[in-house]
């Protein structure tokens, strides 16, 4: 194997390792964002007493009178 092909092979291997490391970082970041989002949704659900539908609209008796 010539010196040039060894360098090219090493360069290709390093590039593949760098891509794999970046992919793993992105997967980890995505998992962290998903975990935080899930935690926020759970907290909101607990604060609302487990029912988000009742807070999403006003009852007819709570509507302001038309002028």
PDB file of N, CA and C in Angstrom:
ATOM      1  N   UNK A   1       0.847  -1.171   0.000  1.00  0.00           N
ATOM      2  CA  UNK A   1       0.000   0.000   0.000  1.00  0.00           C
ATOM      3  C   UNK A   1       0.893   1.235   0.000  1.00  0.00           C
ATOM      4  N   UNK A   2       0.585   2.160  -0.862  1.00  0.00           N
ATOM      5  CA  UNK A   2       1.431   3.350  -0.952  1.00  0.00           C
ATOM      6  C   UNK A   2       1.100   4.332   0.164  1.00  0.00           C
ATOM      7  N   UNK A   3       2.012   5.270   0.375  1.00  0.00           N
ATOM      8  CA  UNK A   3       1.852   6.279   1.423  1.00  0.00           C
ATOM      9  C   UNK A   3       0.604   7.130   1.178  1.00  0.00           C
ATOM     10  N   UNK A   4       0.317   7.466  -0.087  1.00  0.00           N
ATOM     11  CA  UNK A   4      -0.837   8.306  -0.421  1.00  0.00           C
ATOM     12  C   UNK A   4      -2.138   7.592  -0.102  1.00  0.00           C
ATOM     13  N   UNK A   5      -2.246   6.328  -0.447  1.00  0.00           N
ATOM     14  CA  UNK A   5      -3.486   5.603  -0.177  1.00  0.00           C
ATOM     15  C   UNK A   5      -3.685   5.381   1.322  1.00  0.00           C
ATOM     16  N   UNK A   6      -2.591   5.223   2.063  1.00  0.00           N
ATOM     17  CA  UNK A   6      -2.720   5.120   3.524  1.00  0.00           C
ATOM     18  C   UNK A   6      -3.251   6.414   4.112  1.00  0.00           C
ATOM     19  N   UNK A   7      -2.730   7.529   3.615  1.00  0.00           N
ATOM     20  CA  UNK A   7      -3.209   8.838   4.090  1.00  0.00           C
ATOM     21  C   UNK A   7      -4.683   9.019   3.748  1.00  0.00           C
ATOM     22  N   UNK A   8      -5.047   8.657   2.540  1.00  0.00           N
ATOM     23  CA  UNK A   8      -6.449   8.792   2.127  1.00  0.00           C
ATOM     24  C   UNK A   8      -7.354   7.901   2.960  1.00  0.00           C
ATOM     25  N   UNK A   9      -6.892   6.685   3.239  1.00  0.00           N
ATOM     26  CA  UNK A   9      -7.681   5.766   4.053  1.00  0.00           C
ATOM     27  C   UNK A   9      -7.829   6.306   5.478  1.00  0.00           C
ATOM     28  N   UNK A  10      -6.730   6.835   6.023  1.00  0.00           N
ATOM     29  CA  UNK A  10      -6.778   7.411   7.359  1.00  0.00           C
ATOM     30  C   UNK A  10      -7.715   8.616   7.397  1.00  0.00           C
ATOM     31  N   UNK A  11      -7.618   9.460   6.372  1.00  0.00           N
ATOM     32  CA  UNK A  11      -8.477  10.644   6.284  1.00  0.00           C
ATOM     33  C   UNK A  11      -9.951  10.239   6.202  1.00  0.00           C
ATOM     34  N   UNK A  12     -10.249   9.211   5.413  1.00  0.00           N
ATOM     35  CA  UNK A  12     -11.622   8.719   5.279  1.00  0.00           C
ATOM     36  C   UNK A  12     -12.124   8.148   6.598  1.00  0.00           C
ATOM     37  N   UNK A  13     -11.245   7.438   7.309  1.00  0.00           N
ATOM     38  CA  UNK A  13     -11.636   6.879   8.601  1.00  0.00           C
ATOM     39  C   UNK A  13     -11.900   7.989   9.605  1.00  0.00           C
ATOM     40  N   UNK A  14     -11.055   9.000   9.630  1.00  0.00           N
ATOM     41  CA  UNK A  14     -11.251  10.124  10.546  1.00  0.00           C
ATOM     42  C   UNK A  14     -12.540  10.873  10.226  1.00  0.00           C
ATOM     43  N   UNK A  15     -12.829  11.038   8.953  1.00  0.00           N
ATOM     44  CA  UNK A  15     -14.056  11.708   8.538  1.00  0.00           C
ATOM     45  C   UNK A  15     -15.279  10.899   8.974  1.00  0.00           C
ATOM     46  N   UNK A  16     -15.218   9.591   8.811  1.00  0.00           N
ATOM     47  CA  UNK A  16     -16.319   8.727   9.232  1.00  0.00           C
ATOM     48  C   UNK A  16     -16.515   8.792  10.742  1.00  0.00           C
ATOM     49  N   UNK A  17     -15.422   8.825  11.505  1.00  0.00           N
ATOM     50  CA  UNK A  17     -15.529   8.927  12.960  1.00  0.00           C
ATOM     51  C   UNK A  17     -16.104  10.274  13.376  1.00  0.00           C
ATOM     52  N   UNK A  18     -15.718  11.329  12.691  1.00  0.00           N
ATOM     53  CA  UNK A  18     -16.243  12.657  13.008  1.00  0.00           C
ATOM     54  C   UNK A  18     -17.740  12.724  12.717  1.00  0.00           C
ATOM     55  N   UNK A  19     -18.157  12.120  11.605  1.00  0.00           N
ATOM     56  CA  UNK A  19     -19.587  12.097  11.273  1.00  0.00           C
ATOM     57  C   UNK A  19     -20.373  11.297  12.305  1.00  0.00           C
ATOM     58  N   UNK A  20     -19.816  10.171  12.727  1.00  0.00           N
ATOM     59  CA  UNK A  20     -20.483   9.338  13.722  1.00  0.00           C
ATOM     60  C   UNK A  20     -20.592  10.073  15.057  1.00  0.00           C
ATOM     61  N   UNK A  21     -19.541  10.783  15.440  1.00  0.00           N
ATOM     62  CA  UNK A  21     -19.577  11.535  16.690  1.00  0.00           C
ATOM     63  C   UNK A  21     -20.614  12.651  16.620  1.00  0.00           C
ATOM     64  N   UNK A  22     -20.685  13.340  15.489  1.00  0.00           N
ATOM     65  CA  UNK A  22     -21.681  14.409  15.329  1.00  0.00           C
ATOM     66  C   UNK A  22     -23.096  13.823  15.385  1.00  0.00           C
ATOM     67  N   UNK A  23     -23.302  12.691  14.727  1.00  0.00           N
ATOM     68  CA  UNK A  23     -24.614  12.049  14.731  1.00  0.00           C
ATOM     69  C   UNK A  23     -25.027  11.669  16.155  1.00  0.00           C
ATOM     70  N   UNK A  24     -24.086  11.144  16.928  1.00  0.00           N
ATOM     71  CA  UNK A  24     -24.399  10.766  18.312  1.00  0.00           C
ATOM     72  C   UNK A  24     -24.720  11.992  19.162  1.00  0.00           C
ATOM     73  N   UNK A  25     -23.998  13.103  18.942  1.00  0.00           N
ATOM     74  CA  UNK A  25     -24.299  14.335  19.672  1.00  0.00           C
ATOM     75  C   UNK A  25     -25.693  14.838  19.337  1.00  0.00           C
ATOM     76  N   UNK A  26     -26.052  14.783  18.061  1.00  0.00           N
ATOM     77  CA  UNK A  26     -27.370  15.245  17.638  1.00  0.00           C
ATOM     78  C   UNK A  26     -28.479  14.364  18.212  1.00  0.00           C
ATOM     79  N   UNK A  27     -28.249  13.061  18.255  1.00  0.00           N
ATOM     80  CA  UNK A  27     -29.234  12.152  18.846  1.00  0.00           C
ATOM     81  C   UNK A  27     -29.376  12.443  20.340  1.00  0.00           C
ATOM     82  N   UNK A  28     -28.267  12.657  21.010  1.00  0.00           N
ATOM     83  CA  UNK A  28     -28.317  12.991  22.435  1.00  0.00           C
ATOM     84  C   UNK A  28     -29.035  14.302  22.689  1.00  0.00           C
ATOM     85  N   UNK A  29     -28.766  15.294  21.869  1.00  0.00           N
ATOM     86  CA  UNK A  29     -29.439  16.586  22.012  1.00  0.00           C
ATOM     87  C   UNK A  29     -30.931  16.439  21.762  1.00  0.00           C
ATOM     88  N   UNK A  30     -31.304  15.692  20.753  1.00  0.00           N
ATOM     89  CA  UNK A  30     -32.721  15.461  20.465  1.00  0.00           C
ATOM     90  C   UNK A  30     -33.417  14.745  21.612  1.00  0.00           C
ATOM     91  N   UNK A  31     -32.748  13.773  22.196  1.00  0.00           N
ATOM     92  CA  UNK A  31     -33.321  13.047  23.331  1.00  0.00           C
ATOM     93  C   UNK A  31     -33.480  13.970  24.541  1.00  0.00           C
ATOM     94  N   UNK A  32     -32.512  14.847  24.760  1.00  0.00           N
ATOM     95  CA  UNK A  32     -32.604  15.787  25.886  1.00  0.00           C
ATOM     96  C   UNK A  32     -33.758  16.764  25.679  1.00  0.00           C
ATOM     97  N   UNK A  33     -33.915  17.271  24.467  1.00  0.00           N
ATOM     98  CA  UNK A  33     -35.021  18.190  24.181  1.00  0.00           C
ATOM     99  C   UNK A  33     -36.359  17.481  24.363  1.00  0.00           C
ATOM    100  N   UNK A  34     -36.459  16.247  23.887  1.00  0.00           N
ATOM    101  CA  UNK A  34     -37.693  15.480  24.037  1.00  0.00           C
ATOM    102  C   UNK A  34     -38.006  15.230  25.512  1.00  0.00           C
ATOM    103  N   UNK A  35     -36.990  14.943  26.316  1.00  0.00           N
ATOM    104  CA  UNK A  35     -37.200  14.704  27.745  1.00  0.00           C
ATOM    105  C   UNK A  35     -37.690  15.971  28.450  1.00  0.00           C
ATOM    106  N   UNK A  36     -37.109  17.107  28.108  1.00  0.00           N
ATOM    107  CA  UNK A  36     -37.536  18.369  28.714  1.00  0.00           C
ATOM    108  C   UNK A  36     -38.968  18.686  28.302  1.00  0.00           C
ATOM    109  N   UNK A  37     -39.292  18.496  27.043  1.00  0.00           N
ATOM    110  CA  UNK A  37     -40.652  18.748  26.563  1.00  0.00           C
ATOM    111  C   UNK A  37     -41.657  17.841  27.259  1.00  0.00           C
ATOM    112  N   UNK A  38     -41.312  16.587  27.412  1.00  0.00           N
ATOM    113  CA  UNK A  38     -42.191  15.651  28.110  1.00  0.00           C
ATOM    114  C   UNK A  38     -42.387  16.067  29.565  1.00  0.00           C
ATOM    115  N   UNK A  39     -41.320  16.494  30.221  1.00  0.00           N
ATOM    116  CA  UNK A  39     -41.422  16.936  31.611  1.00  0.00           C
ATOM    117  C   UNK A  39     -42.329  18.160  31.721  1.00  0.00           C
ATOM    118  N   UNK A  40     -42.191  19.106  30.807  1.00  0.00           N
ATOM    119  CA  UNK A  40     -43.041  20.301  30.833  1.00  0.00           C
ATOM    120  C   UNK A  40     -44.497  19.913  30.622  1.00  0.00           C
ATOM    121  N   UNK A  41     -44.765  19.032  29.676  1.00  0.00           N
ATOM    122  CA  UNK A  41     -46.137  18.603  29.433  1.00  0.00           C
ATOM    123  C   UNK A  41     -46.731  17.887  30.637  1.00  0.00           C
ATOM    124  N   UNK A  42     -45.930  17.062  31.292  1.00  0.00           N
ATOM    125  CA  UNK A  42     -46.416  16.379  32.496  1.00  0.00           C
ATOM    126  C   UNK A  42     -46.719  17.367  33.611  1.00  0.00           C
ATOM    127  N   UNK A  43     -45.863  18.356  33.788  1.00  0.00           N
ATOM    128  CA  UNK A  43     -46.092  19.364  34.833  1.00  0.00           C
ATOM    129  C   UNK A  43     -47.354  20.155  34.533  1.00  0.00           C
ATOM    130  N   UNK A  44     -47.542  20.551  33.290  1.00  0.00           N
ATOM    131  CA  UNK A  44     -48.757  21.291  32.918  1.00  0.00           C
ATOM    132  C   UNK A  44     -49.993  20.434  33.164  1.00  0.00           C
ATOM    133  N   UNK A  45     -49.934  19.160  32.815  1.00  0.00           N
ATOM    134  CA  UNK A  45     -51.067  18.270  33.029  1.00  0.00           C
ATOM    135  C   UNK A  45     -51.367  18.118  34.518  1.00  0.00           C
ATOM    136  N   UNK A  46     -50.337  18.017  35.341  1.00  0.00           N
ATOM    137  CA  UNK A  46     -50.555  17.891  36.781  1.00  0.00           C
ATOM    138  C   UNK A  46     -51.121  19.170  37.383  1.00  0.00           C
ATOM    139  N   UNK A  47     -50.643  20.316  36.931  1.00  0.00           N
ATOM    140  CA  UNK A  47     -51.130  21.592  37.453  1.00  0.00           C
ATOM    141  C   UNK A  47     -52.591  21.788  37.077  1.00  0.00           C
ATOM    142  N   UNK A  48     -52.969  21.367  35.884  1.00  0.00           N
ATOM    143  CA  UNK A  48     -54.353  21.515  35.437  1.00  0.00           C
ATOM    144  C   UNK A  48     -55.251  20.411  35.987  1.00  0.00           C
ATOM    145  N   UNK A  49     -54.764  19.609  36.843  1.00  0.00           N
ATOM    146  CA  UNK A  49     -55.559  18.537  37.423  1.00  0.00           C
ATOM    147  C   UNK A  49     -55.798  17.387  36.462  1.00  0.00           C
ATOM    148  N   UNK A  50     -54.941  17.259  35.475  1.00  0.00           N
ATOM    149  CA  UNK A  50     -55.082  16.167  34.532  1.00  0.00           C
ATOM    150  C   UNK A  50     -56.066  16.457  33.417  1.00  0.00           C
ATOM    151  N   UNK A  51     -56.705  17.614  33.432  1.00  0.00           N
ATOM    152  CA  UNK A  51     -57.684  17.935  32.400  1.00  0.00           C
ATOM    153  C   UNK A  51     -57.301  19.245  31.737  1.00  0.00           C
ATOM    154  N   UNK A  52     -56.901  19.173  30.496  1.00  0.00           N
ATOM    155  CA  UNK A  52     -56.557  20.390  29.767  1.00  0.00           C
ATOM    156  C   UNK A  52     -57.739  20.903  28.966  1.00  0.00           C
ATOM    157  N   UNK A  53     -58.761  20.066  28.761  1.00  0.00           N
ATOM    158  CA  UNK A  53     -59.907  20.478  27.951  1.00  0.00           C
ATOM    159  C   UNK A  53     -60.740  21.543  28.662  1.00  0.00           C
ATOM    160  N   UNK A  54     -60.882  21.456  29.978  1.00  0.00           N
ATOM    161  CA  UNK A  54     -61.731  22.408  30.700  1.00  0.00           C
ATOM    162  C   UNK A  54     -61.122  23.805  30.714  1.00  0.00           C
ATOM    163  N   UNK A  55     -59.828  23.907  30.565  1.00  0.00           N
ATOM    164  CA  UNK A  55     -59.184  25.221  30.572  1.00  0.00           C
ATOM    165  C   UNK A  55     -59.103  25.831  29.180  1.00  0.00           C
ATOM    166  N   UNK A  56     -59.494  25.088  28.155  1.00  0.00           N
ATOM    167  CA  UNK A  56     -59.289  25.572  26.803  1.00  0.00           C
ATOM    168  C   UNK A  56     -60.442  26.406  26.265  1.00  0.00           C
ATOM    169  N   UNK A  57     -61.558  26.475  26.961  1.00  0.00           N
ATOM    170  CA  UNK A  57     -62.684  27.283  26.488  1.00  0.00           C
ATOM    171  C   UNK A  57     -63.451  27.845  27.681  1.00  0.00           C
ATOM    172  N   UNK A  58     -64.215  28.879  27.434  1.00  0.00           N
ATOM    173  CA  UNK A  58     -65.047  29.458  28.479  1.00  0.00           C
ATOM    174  C   UNK A  58     -66.429  28.836  28.425  1.00  0.00           C
ATOM    175  N   UNK A  59     -67.026  28.680  29.587  1.00  0.00           N
ATOM    176  CA  UNK A  59     -68.408  28.207  29.629  1.00  0.00           C
ATOM    177  C   UNK A  59     -69.306  29.347  29.186  1.00  0.00           C
ATOM    178  N   UNK A  60     -70.518  29.018  28.770  1.00  0.00           N
ATOM    179  CA  UNK A  60     -71.452  30.039  28.302  1.00  0.00           C
ATOM    180  C   UNK A  60     -71.739  31.086  29.363  1.00  0.00           C
ATOM    181  N   UNK A  61     -71.784  30.700  30.626  1.00  0.00           N
ATOM    182  CA  UNK A  61     -72.082  31.652  31.690  1.00  0.00           C
ATOM    183  C   UNK A  61     -70.928  32.598  31.940  1.00  0.00           C
ATOM    184  N   UNK A  62     -69.739  32.268  31.471  1.00  0.00           N
ATOM    185  CA  UNK A  62     -68.558  33.113  31.696  1.00  0.00           C
ATOM    186  C   UNK A  62     -68.285  34.055  30.543  1.00  0.00           C
ATOM    187  N   UNK A  63     -69.074  33.953  29.465  1.00  0.00           N
ATOM    188  CA  UNK A  63     -68.867  34.843  28.322  1.00  0.00           C
ATOM    189  C   UNK A  63     -69.375  36.242  28.657  1.00  0.00           C
ATOM    190  N   UNK A  64     -68.717  37.273  28.181  1.00  0.00           N
ATOM    191  CA  UNK A  64     -69.216  38.627  28.425  1.00  0.00           C
ATOM    192  C   UNK A  64     -70.509  38.873  27.662  1.00  0.00           C
ATOM    193  N   UNK A  65     -71.344  39.734  28.216  1.00  0.00           N
ATOM    194  CA  UNK A  65     -72.613  40.069  27.580  1.00  0.00           C
ATOM    195  C   UNK A  65     -72.346  40.877  26.312  1.00  0.00           C
ATOM    196  N   UNK A  66     -73.072  40.595  25.230  1.00  0.00           N
ATOM    197  CA  UNK A  66     -72.894  41.398  24.020  1.00  0.00           C
ATOM    198  C   UNK A  66     -73.426  42.815  24.210  1.00  0.00           C
ATOM    199  N   UNK A  67     -72.775  43.759  23.587  1.00  0.00           N
ATOM    200  CA  UNK A  67     -73.218  45.154  23.742  1.00  0.00           C
ATOM    201  C   UNK A  67     -73.942  45.640  22.528  1.00  0.00           C
TER     202      UNK A  67
END
